[in-house]
Amino acid sequence: MSSNTGRVRGWDFVIDGKTELIEMKGTIAVNDADAYVTCGLHGLGIVKGPRYTLGPYLATGALREILVDYPSTPRPISILYSPNRHLPRRIRVFADWIAEVFAREPLMQFKN
């Protein structure tokens, strides 16, 4: 559920190369990632989340991957900084470095 609006958010999937938003219905809605994963671990429904969050549970078998033919759209990661006329070099160096780190990290990869 969205902590901004209080509404249950739909799930997005890539179907035939197009992103489709599927409205979800359920009896439990949470707005906390830990509570969300805990619900899945206790069999209270299907959870959808990033591999870096769910990966350890998938590896141990506590959770099982389904809907593998319907991947999610990749989520962008942003770096926020104070507006300036010129981007400070240290910000550019950091942005380039963190992009390389994420590109090498398997848990940050999206399956297609």
Protein backbone atom coordinates (compact mmCIF):
# COMPACT_ATOMS: atom_id res chain seq x y z
CA MET A 1 0.00 0.00 0.00
CA SER A 2 1.20 3.49 -0.69
CA SER A 3 2.29 5.37 2.40
CA ASN A 4 1.49 8.60 0.53
CA THR A 5 -2.09 7.84 -0.49
CA GLY A 6 -3.09 4.90 1.72
CA ARG A 7 -4.28 3.05 -1.37
CA VAL A 8 -3.29 -0.44 -2.40
CA ARG A 9 -0.84 -0.21 -5.29
CA GLY A 10 -1.17 -2.35 -8.38
CA TRP A 11 1.64 -4.55 -9.64
CA ASP A 12 3.38 -3.85 -12.91
CA PHE A 13 4.51 -6.63 -15.22
CA VAL A 14 6.07 -6.73 -18.66
CA ILE A 15 3.68 -8.66 -20.91
CA ASP A 16 4.55 -9.05 -24.59
CA GLY A 17 7.08 -6.23 -24.27
CA LYS A 18 4.58 -3.77 -22.78
CA THR A 19 4.21 -2.72 -19.16
CA GLU A 20 0.81 -3.64 -17.74
CA LEU A 21 -0.52 -2.52 -14.38
CA ILE A 22 -2.56 -5.19 -12.62
CA GLU A 23 -4.81 -4.01 -9.80
CA MET A 24 -4.47 -6.26 -6.77
CA LYS A 25 -7.18 -7.26 -4.33
CA GLY A 26 -6.48 -8.73 -0.94
CA THR A 27 -7.44 -8.78 2.69
CA ILE A 28 -4.05 -7.66 4.04
CA ALA A 29 -2.24 -4.48 3.06
CA VAL A 30 0.94 -3.13 4.65
CA ASN A 31 3.20 -0.18 3.99
CA ASP A 32 6.37 -1.56 5.58
CA ALA A 33 8.84 -3.76 3.68
CA ASP A 34 9.65 -5.98 6.66
CA ALA A 35 5.96 -6.56 7.41
CA TYR A 36 5.36 -7.28 3.71
CA VAL A 37 8.07 -9.96 3.56
CA THR A 38 6.91 -11.42 6.88
CA CYS A 39 3.39 -11.82 5.47
CA GLY A 40 4.83 -13.78 2.54
CA LEU A 41 6.99 -15.92 4.79
CA HIS A 42 3.92 -16.84 6.85
CA GLY A 43 1.86 -17.80 3.81
CA LEU A 44 -0.45 -14.81 3.87
CA GLY A 45 -0.23 -14.19 0.14
CA ILE A 46 2.00 -13.50 -2.80
CA VAL A 47 4.73 -10.88 -2.44
CA LYS A 48 6.57 -9.02 -5.16
CA GLY A 49 9.81 -7.25 -4.49
CA PRO A 50 13.38 -6.64 -5.52
CA ARG A 51 15.81 -9.55 -5.66
CA TYR A 52 18.11 -7.88 -3.11
CA THR A 53 15.25 -8.04 -0.57
CA LEU A 54 13.77 -11.43 -1.40
CA GLY A 55 16.92 -13.21 -2.65
CA PRO A 56 18.01 -14.64 0.69
CA TYR A 57 14.57 -16.18 1.23
CA LEU A 58 14.53 -17.58 -2.29
CA ALA A 59 17.98 -19.10 -1.74
CA THR A 60 16.89 -20.92 1.43
CA GLY A 61 13.57 -22.03 -0.02
CA ALA A 62 11.57 -20.00 2.48
CA LEU A 63 9.99 -18.29 -0.54
CA ARG A 64 9.47 -19.71 -4.00
CA GLU A 65 9.56 -17.71 -7.23
CA ILE A 66 6.40 -17.79 -9.35
CA LEU A 67 5.26 -15.74 -12.34
CA VAL A 68 8.79 -15.97 -13.79
CA ASP A 69 7.42 -15.34 -17.28
CA TYR A 70 6.11 -11.92 -16.19
CA PRO A 71 9.03 -9.77 -15.02
CA SER A 72 8.61 -6.39 -13.41
CA THR A 73 9.80 -3.22 -15.02
CA PRO A 74 13.22 -2.10 -13.74
CA ARG A 75 13.10 0.59 -11.09
CA PRO A 76 15.42 3.56 -11.50
CA ILE A 77 17.80 4.57 -8.76
CA SER A 78 18.37 8.29 -8.39
CA ILE A 79 21.06 10.38 -6.80
CA LEU A 80 19.76 13.65 -5.39
CA TYR A 81 21.97 16.65 -4.84
CA SER A 82 21.58 20.38 -4.35
CA PRO A 83 20.98 22.29 -7.56
CA ASN A 84 24.06 24.06 -8.86
CA ARG A 85 25.07 25.54 -12.16
CA HIS A 86 27.88 22.99 -12.30
CA LEU A 87 27.81 19.45 -10.98
CA PRO A 88 30.60 19.08 -8.41
CA ARG A 89 33.26 16.61 -9.52
CA ARG A 90 32.91 14.55 -6.33
CA ILE A 91 29.21 13.99 -7.12
CA ARG A 92 30.02 12.85 -10.66
CA VAL A 93 32.77 10.52 -9.37
CA PHE A 94 30.39 9.05 -6.78
CA ALA A 95 27.57 8.61 -9.31
CA ASP A 96 29.87 6.82 -11.75
CA TRP A 97 31.30 4.61 -8.99
CA ILE A 98 27.91 3.57 -7.57
CA ALA A 99 26.60 2.83 -11.08
CA GLU A 100 29.54 0.45 -11.58
CA VAL A 101 28.95 -1.19 -8.20
CA PHE A 102 25.26 -1.78 -8.98
CA ALA A 103 26.06 -3.06 -12.48
CA ARG A 104 28.33 -5.76 -10.97
CA GLU A 105 25.99 -6.77 -8.14
CA PRO A 106 23.84 -9.81 -9.10
CA LEU A 107 21.12 -8.91 -6.61
CA MET A 108 20.62 -5.56 -8.37
CA GLN A 109 20.05 -7.19 -11.75
CA PHE A 110 16.61 -7.59 -13.26
CA LYS A 111 15.65 -10.76 -15.07
CA ASN A 112 14.04 -10.39 -18.48
